[in-house]
Amino acid sequence: MFNSFISYCKGSYEELAHKTTWPTRKELTHSAVVVLVASIVIALIVFCMDTVFDQLMKLVYSA
């Protein structure tokens, strides 16, 4: 059982070190910027929806 675990670890290392293609720094930076912009846009949309809903509820409950 211990030998199969060692074999698994060696195989995992080989795959990560030699068979996996890692993104370049430029690709990684681009992806991070895309995620950041998308997160900000979604946050702004949720903020606007919350503000509109808040105003509607104030209008409904003030009457």
PDB file of N, CA and C in Angstrom:
ATOM      1  N   MET A   1       0.830  -1.198   0.000  1.00  0.00           N
ATOM      2  CA  MET A   1       0.000   0.000   0.000  1.00  0.00           C
ATOM      3  C   MET A   1       0.871   1.257   0.000  1.00  0.00           C
ATOM      4  N   PHE A   2       1.942   1.240   0.792  1.00  0.00           N
ATOM      5  CA  PHE A   2       2.836   2.394   0.856  1.00  0.00           C
ATOM      6  C   PHE A   2       3.536   2.608  -0.481  1.00  0.00           C
ATOM      7  N   ASN A   3       3.886   1.506  -1.166  1.00  0.00           N
ATOM      8  CA  ASN A   3       4.546   1.602  -2.476  1.00  0.00           C
ATOM      9  C   ASN A   3       3.620   2.227  -3.512  1.00  0.00           C
ATOM     10  N   SER A   4       2.340   1.905  -3.452  1.00  0.00           N
ATOM     11  CA  SER A   4       1.403   2.483  -4.419  1.00  0.00           C
ATOM     12  C   SER A   4       1.226   3.981  -4.167  1.00  0.00           C
ATOM     13  N   PHE A   5       1.298   4.396  -2.912  1.00  0.00           N
ATOM     14  CA  PHE A   5       1.213   5.828  -2.592  1.00  0.00           C
ATOM     15  C   PHE A   5       2.433   6.569  -3.132  1.00  0.00           C
ATOM     16  N   ILE A   6       3.615   5.987  -2.955  1.00  0.00           N
ATOM     17  CA  ILE A   6       4.854   6.580  -3.472  1.00  0.00           C
ATOM     18  C   ILE A   6       4.785   6.669  -4.995  1.00  0.00           C
ATOM     19  N   SER A   7       4.298   5.612  -5.613  1.00  0.00           N
ATOM     20  CA  SER A   7       4.158   5.594  -7.073  1.00  0.00           C
ATOM     21  C   SER A   7       3.194   6.679  -7.538  1.00  0.00           C
ATOM     22  N   TYR A   8       2.112   6.842  -6.813  1.00  0.00           N
ATOM     23  CA  TYR A   8       1.136   7.887  -7.140  1.00  0.00           C
ATOM     24  C   TYR A   8       1.774   9.274  -7.035  1.00  0.00           C
ATOM     25  N   CYS A   9       2.524   9.520  -5.974  1.00  0.00           N
ATOM     26  CA  CYS A   9       3.178  10.823  -5.782  1.00  0.00           C
ATOM     27  C   CYS A   9       4.185  11.100  -6.892  1.00  0.00           C
ATOM     28  N   LYS A  10       4.967  10.083  -7.265  1.00  0.00           N
ATOM     29  CA  LYS A  10       5.938  10.247  -8.347  1.00  0.00           C
ATOM     30  C   LYS A  10       5.238  10.537  -9.670  1.00  0.00           C
ATOM     31  N   GLY A  11       4.170   9.838  -9.941  1.00  0.00           N
ATOM     32  CA  GLY A  11       3.411  10.060 -11.172  1.00  0.00           C
ATOM     33  C   GLY A  11       2.800  11.451 -11.214  1.00  0.00           C
ATOM     34  N   SER A  12       2.279  11.895 -10.076  1.00  0.00           N
ATOM     35  CA  SER A  12       1.705  13.240 -10.007  1.00  0.00           C
ATOM     36  C   SER A  12       2.765  14.296 -10.252  1.00  0.00           C
ATOM     37  N   TYR A  13       3.943  14.112  -9.643  1.00  0.00           N
ATOM     38  CA  TYR A  13       5.040  15.057  -9.845  1.00  0.00           C
ATOM     39  C   TYR A  13       5.468  15.093 -11.311  1.00  0.00           C
ATOM     40  N   GLU A  14       5.604  13.933 -11.923  1.00  0.00           N
ATOM     41  CA  GLU A  14       6.005  13.865 -13.329  1.00  0.00           C
ATOM     42  C   GLU A  14       5.010  14.606 -14.220  1.00  0.00           C
ATOM     43  N   GLU A  15       3.738  14.409 -13.951  1.00  0.00           N
ATOM     44  CA  GLU A  15       2.719  15.073 -14.770  1.00  0.00           C
ATOM     45  C   GLU A  15       2.768  16.587 -14.582  1.00  0.00           C
ATOM     46  N   LEU A  16       2.885  17.038 -13.339  1.00  0.00           N
ATOM     47  CA  LEU A  16       2.930  18.476 -13.082  1.00  0.00           C
ATOM     48  C   LEU A  16       4.204  19.120 -13.613  1.00  0.00           C
ATOM     49  N   ALA A  17       5.312  18.430 -13.501  1.00  0.00           N
ATOM     50  CA  ALA A  17       6.595  19.023 -13.875  1.00  0.00           C
ATOM     51  C   ALA A  17       6.874  18.951 -15.374  1.00  0.00           C
ATOM     52  N   HIS A  18       6.395  17.905 -16.050  1.00  0.00           N
ATOM     53  CA  HIS A  18       6.814  17.697 -17.428  1.00  0.00           C
ATOM     54  C   HIS A  18       5.680  17.658 -18.451  1.00  0.00           C
ATOM     55  N   LYS A  19       4.465  17.392 -18.044  1.00  0.00           N
ATOM     56  CA  LYS A  19       3.386  17.241 -19.019  1.00  0.00           C
ATOM     57  C   LYS A  19       2.386  18.388 -18.986  1.00  0.00           C
ATOM     58  N   THR A  20       2.411  19.205 -17.955  1.00  0.00           N
ATOM     59  CA  THR A  20       1.464  20.304 -17.820  1.00  0.00           C
ATOM     60  C   THR A  20       2.021  21.553 -18.491  1.00  0.00           C
ATOM     61  N   THR A  21       1.180  22.252 -19.235  1.00  0.00           N
ATOM     62  CA  THR A  21       1.601  23.528 -19.820  1.00  0.00           C
ATOM     63  C   THR A  21       1.092  24.640 -18.914  1.00  0.00           C
ATOM     64  N   TRP A  22       2.009  25.426 -18.390  1.00  0.00           N
ATOM     65  CA  TRP A  22       1.672  26.504 -17.479  1.00  0.00           C
ATOM     66  C   TRP A  22       1.515  27.792 -18.269  1.00  0.00           C
ATOM     67  N   PRO A  23       0.605  28.676 -17.855  1.00  0.00           N
ATOM     68  CA  PRO A  23       0.434  29.937 -18.587  1.00  0.00           C
ATOM     69  C   PRO A  23       1.661  30.841 -18.401  1.00  0.00           C
ATOM     70  N   THR A  24       1.877  31.677 -19.427  1.00  0.00           N
ATOM     71  CA  THR A  24       2.961  32.645 -19.309  1.00  0.00           C
ATOM     72  C   THR A  24       2.532  33.759 -18.363  1.00  0.00           C
ATOM     73  N   ARG A  25       3.481  34.580 -17.978  1.00  0.00           N
ATOM     74  CA  ARG A  25       3.173  35.693 -17.079  1.00  0.00           C
ATOM     75  C   ARG A  25       2.162  36.641 -17.732  1.00  0.00           C
ATOM     76  N   LYS A  26       2.319  36.864 -19.033  1.00  0.00           N
ATOM     77  CA  LYS A  26       1.401  37.752 -19.766  1.00  0.00           C
ATOM     78  C   LYS A  26      -0.021  37.180 -19.788  1.00  0.00           C
ATOM     79  N   GLU A  27      -0.140  35.889 -20.055  1.00  0.00           N
ATOM     80  CA  GLU A  27      -1.457  35.239 -20.066  1.00  0.00           C
ATOM     81  C   GLU A  27      -2.104  35.284 -18.684  1.00  0.00           C
ATOM     82  N   LEU A  28      -1.309  35.041 -17.667  1.00  0.00           N
ATOM     83  CA  LEU A  28      -1.816  35.043 -16.299  1.00  0.00           C
ATOM     84  C   LEU A  28      -2.284  36.435 -15.892  1.00  0.00           C
ATOM     85  N   THR A  29      -1.503  37.454 -16.249  1.00  0.00           N
ATOM     86  CA  THR A  29      -1.881  38.834 -15.942  1.00  0.00           C
ATOM     87  C   THR A  29      -3.167  39.212 -16.671  1.00  0.00           C
ATOM     88  N   HIS A  30      -3.265  38.829 -17.925  1.00  0.00           N
ATOM     89  CA  HIS A  30      -4.477  39.130 -18.706  1.00  0.00           C
ATOM     90  C   HIS A  30      -5.699  38.474 -18.078  1.00  0.00           C
ATOM     91  N   SER A  31      -5.572  37.226 -17.686  1.00  0.00           N
ATOM     92  CA  SER A  31      -6.693  36.519 -17.064  1.00  0.00           C
ATOM     93  C   SER A  31      -7.089  37.170 -15.738  1.00  0.00           C
ATOM     94  N   ALA A  32      -6.103  37.587 -14.973  1.00  0.00           N
ATOM     95  CA  ALA A  32      -6.394  38.229 -13.691  1.00  0.00           C
ATOM     96  C   ALA A  32      -7.123  39.551 -13.898  1.00  0.00           C
ATOM     97  N   VAL A  33      -6.728  40.311 -14.913  1.00  0.00           N
ATOM     98  CA  VAL A  33      -7.393  41.589 -15.206  1.00  0.00           C
ATOM     99  C   VAL A  33      -8.833  41.340 -15.653  1.00  0.00           C
ATOM    100  N   VAL A  34      -9.042  40.332 -16.469  1.00  0.00           N
ATOM    101  CA  VAL A  34     -10.403  40.003 -16.922  1.00  0.00           C
ATOM    102  C   VAL A  34     -11.287  39.639 -15.734  1.00  0.00           C
ATOM    103  N   VAL A  35     -10.780  38.837 -14.825  1.00  0.00           N
ATOM    104  CA  VAL A  35     -11.549  38.443 -13.645  1.00  0.00           C
ATOM    105  C   VAL A  35     -11.834  39.654 -12.762  1.00  0.00           C
ATOM    106  N   LEU A  36     -10.850  40.527 -12.587  1.00  0.00           N
ATOM    107  CA  LEU A  36     -11.037  41.725 -11.771  1.00  0.00           C
ATOM    108  C   LEU A  36     -12.099  42.637 -12.365  1.00  0.00           C
ATOM    109  N   VAL A  37     -12.036  42.880 -13.663  1.00  0.00           N
ATOM    110  CA  VAL A  37     -13.019  43.751 -14.319  1.00  0.00           C
ATOM    111  C   VAL A  37     -14.415  43.131 -14.240  1.00  0.00           C
ATOM    112  N   ALA A  38     -14.516  41.842 -14.491  1.00  0.00           N
ATOM    113  CA  ALA A  38     -15.820  41.173 -14.422  1.00  0.00           C
ATOM    114  C   ALA A  38     -16.386  41.245 -13.011  1.00  0.00           C
ATOM    115  N   SER A  39     -15.545  41.077 -12.001  1.00  0.00           N
ATOM    116  CA  SER A  39     -16.007  41.152 -10.612  1.00  0.00           C
ATOM    117  C   SER A  39     -16.517  42.546 -10.273  1.00  0.00           C
ATOM    118  N   ILE A  40     -15.818  43.568 -10.744  1.00  0.00           N
ATOM    119  CA  ILE A  40     -16.250  44.950 -10.480  1.00  0.00           C
ATOM    120  C   ILE A  40     -17.561  45.245 -11.180  1.00  0.00           C
ATOM    121  N   VAL A  41     -17.698  44.799 -12.419  1.00  0.00           N
ATOM    122  CA  VAL A  41     -18.945  45.028 -13.163  1.00  0.00           C
ATOM    123  C   VAL A  41     -20.114  44.341 -12.471  1.00  0.00           C
ATOM    124  N   ILE A  42     -19.934  43.103 -12.059  1.00  0.00           N
ATOM    125  CA  ILE A  42     -21.008  42.376 -11.373  1.00  0.00           C
ATOM    126  C   ILE A  42     -21.348  43.046 -10.046  1.00  0.00           C
ATOM    127  N   ALA A  43     -20.332  43.507  -9.314  1.00  0.00           N
ATOM    128  CA  ALA A  43     -20.578  44.198  -8.047  1.00  0.00           C
ATOM    129  C   ALA A  43     -21.374  45.484  -8.274  1.00  0.00           C
ATOM    130  N   LEU A  44     -21.056  46.216  -9.328  1.00  0.00           N
ATOM    131  CA  LEU A  44     -21.799  47.447  -9.633  1.00  0.00           C
ATOM    132  C   LEU A  44     -23.248  47.149 -10.016  1.00  0.00           C
ATOM    133  N   ILE A  45     -23.452  46.088 -10.772  1.00  0.00           N
ATOM    134  CA  ILE A  45     -24.816  45.705 -11.145  1.00  0.00           C
ATOM    135  C   ILE A  45     -25.622  45.339  -9.903  1.00  0.00           C
ATOM    136  N   VAL A  46     -25.037  44.553  -9.015  1.00  0.00           N
ATOM    137  CA  VAL A  46     -25.732  44.163  -7.785  1.00  0.00           C
ATOM    138  C   VAL A  46     -26.007  45.388  -6.917  1.00  0.00           C
ATOM    139  N   PHE A  47     -25.036  46.300  -6.835  1.00  0.00           N
ATOM    140  CA  PHE A  47     -25.232  47.532  -6.073  1.00  0.00           C
ATOM    141  C   PHE A  47     -26.401  48.346  -6.627  1.00  0.00           C
ATOM    142  N   CYS A  48     -26.463  48.492  -7.947  1.00  0.00           N
ATOM    143  CA  CYS A  48     -27.555  49.245  -8.567  1.00  0.00           C
ATOM    144  C   CYS A  48     -28.901  48.569  -8.318  1.00  0.00           C
ATOM    145  N   MET A  49     -28.949  47.256  -8.464  1.00  0.00           N
ATOM    146  CA  MET A  49     -30.200  46.539  -8.212  1.00  0.00           C
ATOM    147  C   MET A  49     -30.631  46.693  -6.761  1.00  0.00           C
ATOM    148  N   ASP A  50     -29.695  46.636  -5.842  1.00  0.00           N
ATOM    149  CA  ASP A  50     -29.997  46.790  -4.426  1.00  0.00           C
ATOM    150  C   ASP A  50     -30.523  48.201  -4.132  1.00  0.00           C
ATOM    151  N   THR A  51     -29.906  49.201  -4.742  1.00  0.00           N
ATOM    152  CA  THR A  51     -30.341  50.579  -4.530  1.00  0.00           C
ATOM    153  C   THR A  51     -31.757  50.800  -5.058  1.00  0.00           C
ATOM    154  N   VAL A  52     -32.025  50.286  -6.260  1.00  0.00           N
ATOM    155  CA  VAL A  52     -33.362  50.417  -6.838  1.00  0.00           C
ATOM    156  C   VAL A  52     -34.387  49.696  -5.961  1.00  0.00           C
ATOM    157  N   PHE A  53     -34.070  48.484  -5.533  1.00  0.00           N
ATOM    158  CA  PHE A  53     -34.980  47.730  -4.693  1.00  0.00           C
ATOM    159  C   PHE A  53     -35.223  48.449  -3.368  1.00  0.00           C
ATOM    160  N   ASP A  54     -34.189  49.039  -2.793  1.00  0.00           N
ATOM    161  CA  ASP A  54     -34.317  49.785  -1.546  1.00  0.00           C
ATOM    162  C   ASP A  54     -35.255  50.976  -1.728  1.00  0.00           C
ATOM    163  N   GLN A  55     -35.096  51.689  -2.806  1.00  0.00           N
ATOM    164  CA  GLN A  55     -35.954  52.840  -3.064  1.00  0.00           C
ATOM    165  C   GLN A  55     -37.407  52.405  -3.289  1.00  0.00           C
ATOM    166  N   LEU A  56     -37.596  51.315  -3.994  1.00  0.00           N
ATOM    167  CA  LEU A  56     -38.957  50.808  -4.204  1.00  0.00           C
ATOM    168  C   LEU A  56     -39.614  50.401  -2.883  1.00  0.00           C
ATOM    169  N   MET A  57     -38.849  49.742  -2.025  1.00  0.00           N
ATOM    170  CA  MET A  57     -39.400  49.332  -0.736  1.00  0.00           C
ATOM    171  C   MET A  57     -39.717  50.540   0.139  1.00  0.00           C
ATOM    172  N   LYS A  58     -38.896  51.563   0.089  1.00  0.00           N
ATOM    173  CA  LYS A  58     -39.194  52.791   0.842  1.00  0.00           C
ATOM    174  C   LYS A  58     -40.466  53.437   0.320  1.00  0.00           C
ATOM    175  N   LEU A  59     -40.663  53.408  -0.989  1.00  0.00           N
ATOM    176  CA  LEU A  59     -41.861  53.977  -1.597  1.00  0.00           C
ATOM    177  C   LEU A  59     -43.098  53.167  -1.172  1.00  0.00           C
ATOM    178  N   VAL A  60     -42.993  51.858  -1.178  1.00  0.00           N
ATOM    179  CA  VAL A  60     -44.122  50.991  -0.834  1.00  0.00           C
ATOM    180  C   VAL A  60     -44.481  51.153   0.641  1.00  0.00           C
ATOM    181  N   TYR A  61     -43.491  51.168   1.533  1.00  0.00           N
ATOM    182  CA  TYR A  61     -43.774  51.201   2.960  1.00  0.00           C
ATOM    183  C   TYR A  61     -44.070  52.584   3.503  1.00  0.00           C
ATOM    184  N   SER A  62     -43.764  53.626   2.732  1.00  0.00           N
ATOM    185  CA  SER A  62     -44.058  54.964   3.212  1.00  0.00           C
ATOM    186  C   SER A  62     -45.512  55.354   2.934  1.00  0.00           C
ATOM    187  N   ALA A  63     -46.161  54.642   2.040  1.00  0.00           N
ATOM    188  CA  ALA A  63     -47.549  54.965   1.682  1.00  0.00           C
ATOM    189  C   ALA A  63     -48.552  54.402   2.655  1.00  0.00           C
TER     190      ALA A  63
END
